[in-house]
N, C-alpha and C. Protein backbone atom coordinates (compact mmCIF):
# COMPACT_ATOMS: atom_id res chain seq x y z
N MET A 1 -5.58 -196.48 -55.07
CA MET A 1 -5.82 -195.10 -55.39
C MET A 1 -6.16 -194.35 -54.10
N LYS A 2 -5.68 -193.14 -54.00
CA LYS A 2 -5.89 -192.30 -52.83
C LYS A 2 -7.25 -191.60 -52.92
N THR A 3 -7.92 -191.44 -51.78
CA THR A 3 -9.18 -190.72 -51.73
C THR A 3 -8.95 -189.38 -51.05
N ILE A 4 -9.44 -188.32 -51.68
CA ILE A 4 -9.30 -186.97 -51.15
C ILE A 4 -10.70 -186.38 -50.99
N SER A 5 -10.93 -185.74 -49.88
CA SER A 5 -12.21 -185.08 -49.63
C SER A 5 -12.01 -183.57 -49.66
N LEU A 6 -12.83 -182.88 -50.46
CA LEU A 6 -12.74 -181.43 -50.58
C LEU A 6 -14.04 -180.77 -50.15
N THR A 7 -13.92 -179.66 -49.49
CA THR A 7 -15.09 -178.84 -49.17
C THR A 7 -14.94 -177.53 -49.92
N VAL A 8 -15.90 -177.25 -50.79
CA VAL A 8 -15.84 -176.03 -51.58
C VAL A 8 -17.10 -175.21 -51.32
N PRO A 9 -17.01 -173.90 -51.43
CA PRO A 9 -18.19 -173.05 -51.22
C PRO A 9 -19.28 -173.37 -52.24
N ASP A 10 -20.52 -173.21 -51.83
CA ASP A 10 -21.66 -173.50 -52.70
C ASP A 10 -21.67 -172.67 -53.97
N PHE A 11 -21.14 -171.46 -53.91
CA PHE A 11 -21.21 -170.60 -55.10
C PHE A 11 -20.32 -171.10 -56.24
N PHE A 12 -19.44 -172.05 -55.99
CA PHE A 12 -18.65 -172.62 -57.08
C PHE A 12 -19.51 -173.44 -58.03
N GLU A 13 -20.60 -173.97 -57.52
CA GLU A 13 -21.53 -174.76 -58.32
C GLU A 13 -20.83 -175.85 -59.12
N LEU A 14 -19.88 -176.55 -58.49
CA LEU A 14 -19.17 -177.66 -59.13
C LEU A 14 -19.72 -178.97 -58.59
N ASN A 15 -19.98 -179.90 -59.51
CA ASN A 15 -20.34 -181.23 -59.05
C ASN A 15 -19.08 -182.09 -59.01
N GLU A 16 -19.19 -183.29 -58.50
CA GLU A 16 -18.02 -184.16 -58.33
C GLU A 16 -17.34 -184.48 -59.65
N LYS A 17 -18.13 -184.76 -60.68
CA LYS A 17 -17.54 -185.10 -61.98
C LYS A 17 -16.75 -183.94 -62.57
N GLU A 18 -17.32 -182.74 -62.49
CA GLU A 18 -16.63 -181.56 -63.03
C GLU A 18 -15.35 -181.27 -62.25
N THR A 19 -15.39 -181.47 -60.94
CA THR A 19 -14.21 -181.26 -60.11
C THR A 19 -13.10 -182.24 -60.50
N LYS A 20 -13.47 -183.50 -60.72
CA LYS A 20 -12.48 -184.50 -61.14
C LYS A 20 -11.87 -184.13 -62.49
N LEU A 21 -12.71 -183.64 -63.41
CA LEU A 21 -12.20 -183.23 -64.73
C LEU A 21 -11.24 -182.05 -64.62
N LEU A 22 -11.57 -181.09 -63.78
CA LEU A 22 -10.69 -179.94 -63.58
C LEU A 22 -9.33 -180.37 -63.05
N ILE A 23 -9.35 -181.22 -62.05
CA ILE A 23 -8.09 -181.69 -61.45
C ILE A 23 -7.30 -182.52 -62.45
N ALA A 24 -7.97 -183.45 -63.12
CA ALA A 24 -7.29 -184.32 -64.08
C ALA A 24 -6.70 -183.52 -65.24
N SER A 25 -7.44 -182.53 -65.74
CA SER A 25 -6.93 -181.75 -66.88
C SER A 25 -5.71 -180.93 -66.46
N ARG A 26 -5.73 -180.39 -65.27
CA ARG A 26 -4.57 -179.61 -64.80
C ARG A 26 -3.36 -180.51 -64.58
N LEU A 27 -3.57 -181.68 -63.99
CA LEU A 27 -2.45 -182.61 -63.77
C LEU A 27 -1.90 -183.12 -65.10
N TYR A 28 -2.79 -183.33 -66.09
CA TYR A 28 -2.32 -183.74 -67.41
C TYR A 28 -1.49 -182.63 -68.04
N GLU A 29 -1.99 -181.40 -67.93
CA GLU A 29 -1.29 -180.24 -68.50
C GLU A 29 0.11 -180.10 -67.91
N GLN A 30 0.26 -180.41 -66.63
CA GLN A 30 1.56 -180.32 -65.96
C GLN A 30 2.45 -181.53 -66.21
N GLY A 31 1.92 -182.53 -66.93
CA GLY A 31 2.71 -183.71 -67.23
C GLY A 31 2.76 -184.72 -66.10
N LYS A 32 1.87 -184.58 -65.14
CA LYS A 32 1.87 -185.48 -63.98
C LYS A 32 0.96 -186.69 -64.20
N LEU A 33 0.10 -186.63 -65.21
CA LEU A 33 -0.78 -187.74 -65.57
C LEU A 33 -0.70 -187.97 -67.07
N SER A 34 -0.82 -189.23 -67.47
CA SER A 34 -0.94 -189.56 -68.89
C SER A 34 -2.40 -189.38 -69.30
N LEU A 35 -2.68 -189.49 -70.59
CA LEU A 35 -4.07 -189.39 -71.04
C LEU A 35 -4.93 -190.48 -70.39
N GLY A 36 -4.39 -191.68 -70.33
CA GLY A 36 -5.13 -192.79 -69.74
C GLY A 36 -5.40 -192.57 -68.26
N GLU A 37 -4.41 -192.07 -67.55
CA GLU A 37 -4.57 -191.81 -66.12
C GLU A 37 -5.57 -190.67 -65.89
N GLY A 38 -5.51 -189.65 -66.74
CA GLY A 38 -6.46 -188.54 -66.63
C GLY A 38 -7.88 -189.01 -66.88
N ALA A 39 -8.04 -189.87 -67.88
CA ALA A 39 -9.37 -190.42 -68.19
C ALA A 39 -9.88 -191.24 -67.02
N GLU A 40 -9.01 -192.07 -66.45
CA GLU A 40 -9.41 -192.91 -65.33
C GLU A 40 -9.81 -192.05 -64.12
N LEU A 41 -9.01 -191.05 -63.81
CA LEU A 41 -9.33 -190.16 -62.68
C LEU A 41 -10.66 -189.44 -62.92
N SER A 42 -10.92 -189.07 -64.16
CA SER A 42 -12.15 -188.35 -64.51
C SER A 42 -13.36 -189.26 -64.61
N GLY A 43 -13.12 -190.55 -64.76
CA GLY A 43 -14.23 -191.49 -64.90
C GLY A 43 -14.85 -191.49 -66.28
N VAL A 44 -14.03 -191.16 -67.29
CA VAL A 44 -14.50 -191.15 -68.68
C VAL A 44 -13.53 -191.95 -69.54
N SER A 45 -13.92 -192.20 -70.79
CA SER A 45 -13.03 -192.89 -71.71
C SER A 45 -11.88 -191.96 -72.12
N LYS A 46 -10.84 -192.56 -72.68
CA LYS A 46 -9.71 -191.76 -73.15
C LYS A 46 -10.15 -190.77 -74.22
N ARG A 47 -10.98 -191.25 -75.13
CA ARG A 47 -11.47 -190.38 -76.21
C ARG A 47 -12.25 -189.19 -75.66
N THR A 48 -13.12 -189.45 -74.69
CA THR A 48 -13.91 -188.38 -74.08
C THR A 48 -13.01 -187.41 -73.35
N PHE A 49 -12.00 -187.93 -72.65
CA PHE A 49 -11.07 -187.06 -71.92
C PHE A 49 -10.34 -186.14 -72.89
N ILE A 50 -9.91 -186.68 -74.03
CA ILE A 50 -9.23 -185.87 -75.04
C ILE A 50 -10.15 -184.75 -75.51
N GLU A 51 -11.42 -185.08 -75.77
CA GLU A 51 -12.37 -184.07 -76.21
C GLU A 51 -12.61 -183.02 -75.13
N LEU A 52 -12.69 -183.44 -73.88
CA LEU A 52 -12.96 -182.51 -72.78
C LEU A 52 -11.78 -181.60 -72.47
N LEU A 53 -10.57 -182.04 -72.78
CA LEU A 53 -9.40 -181.18 -72.55
C LEU A 53 -9.55 -179.85 -73.28
N GLY A 54 -10.14 -179.89 -74.46
CA GLY A 54 -10.35 -178.67 -75.23
C GLY A 54 -11.25 -177.67 -74.51
N HIS A 55 -12.21 -178.17 -73.74
CA HIS A 55 -13.11 -177.28 -72.98
C HIS A 55 -12.36 -176.56 -71.86
N TYR A 56 -11.23 -177.13 -71.45
CA TYR A 56 -10.42 -176.54 -70.38
C TYR A 56 -9.17 -175.86 -70.93
N ASP A 57 -9.14 -175.65 -72.26
CA ASP A 57 -8.00 -175.01 -72.94
C ASP A 57 -6.68 -175.71 -72.67
N VAL A 58 -6.72 -177.04 -72.66
CA VAL A 58 -5.51 -177.85 -72.46
C VAL A 58 -5.25 -178.60 -73.77
N SER A 59 -4.04 -178.46 -74.29
CA SER A 59 -3.67 -179.13 -75.52
C SER A 59 -3.38 -180.61 -75.26
N VAL A 60 -3.83 -181.44 -76.17
CA VAL A 60 -3.53 -182.87 -76.09
C VAL A 60 -2.05 -183.10 -76.36
N PHE A 61 -1.46 -182.23 -77.16
CA PHE A 61 -0.06 -182.35 -77.52
C PHE A 61 0.76 -181.63 -76.47
N ASN A 62 1.31 -182.38 -75.57
CA ASN A 62 1.99 -181.84 -74.41
C ASN A 62 3.52 -181.89 -74.61
N TYR A 63 3.99 -181.21 -75.65
CA TYR A 63 5.41 -181.21 -75.97
C TYR A 63 6.04 -179.85 -75.66
N SER A 64 7.27 -179.89 -75.22
CA SER A 64 7.99 -178.64 -75.01
C SER A 64 8.52 -178.15 -76.36
N VAL A 65 8.96 -176.91 -76.40
CA VAL A 65 9.52 -176.34 -77.63
C VAL A 65 10.75 -177.14 -78.05
N GLN A 66 11.59 -177.53 -77.10
CA GLN A 66 12.79 -178.31 -77.41
C GLN A 66 12.43 -179.65 -78.04
N GLU A 67 11.40 -180.32 -77.51
CA GLU A 67 10.99 -181.61 -78.07
C GLU A 67 10.47 -181.44 -79.49
N LEU A 68 9.72 -180.39 -79.74
CA LEU A 68 9.21 -180.13 -81.09
C LEU A 68 10.35 -179.83 -82.07
N LYS A 69 11.33 -179.02 -81.63
CA LYS A 69 12.48 -178.72 -82.50
C LYS A 69 13.25 -180.00 -82.82
N GLY A 70 13.43 -180.85 -81.82
CA GLY A 70 14.12 -182.12 -82.03
C GLY A 70 13.38 -183.00 -83.03
N ASP A 71 12.06 -183.06 -82.93
CA ASP A 71 11.27 -183.85 -83.86
C ASP A 71 11.38 -183.31 -85.29
N ILE A 72 11.38 -181.99 -85.41
CA ILE A 72 11.51 -181.37 -86.74
C ILE A 72 12.87 -181.70 -87.34
N GLU A 73 13.92 -181.62 -86.54
CA GLU A 73 15.26 -181.92 -87.03
C GLU A 73 15.39 -183.39 -87.44
N ASN A 74 14.71 -184.27 -86.73
CA ASN A 74 14.78 -185.70 -87.03
C ASN A 74 13.92 -186.11 -88.21
N ALA A 75 12.99 -185.25 -88.60
CA ALA A 75 12.07 -185.60 -89.70
C ALA A 75 12.71 -185.51 -91.05
């Protein structure tokens, strides 16, 4: 795993855990991480990561409109 060091202004008032959650939730939202990978990056369980995604307005269901239409047609 790669280590990244960030310097952020004090007024952001972000701790390391919150920063990891922000990054993991955004990467999950973009489809660059799976739920398991996001949880691992965040240092929480998969279940906790799923619950925390809601706090960042990220849907657990990461499907495109085309994928949803295809699923409806196949049902």
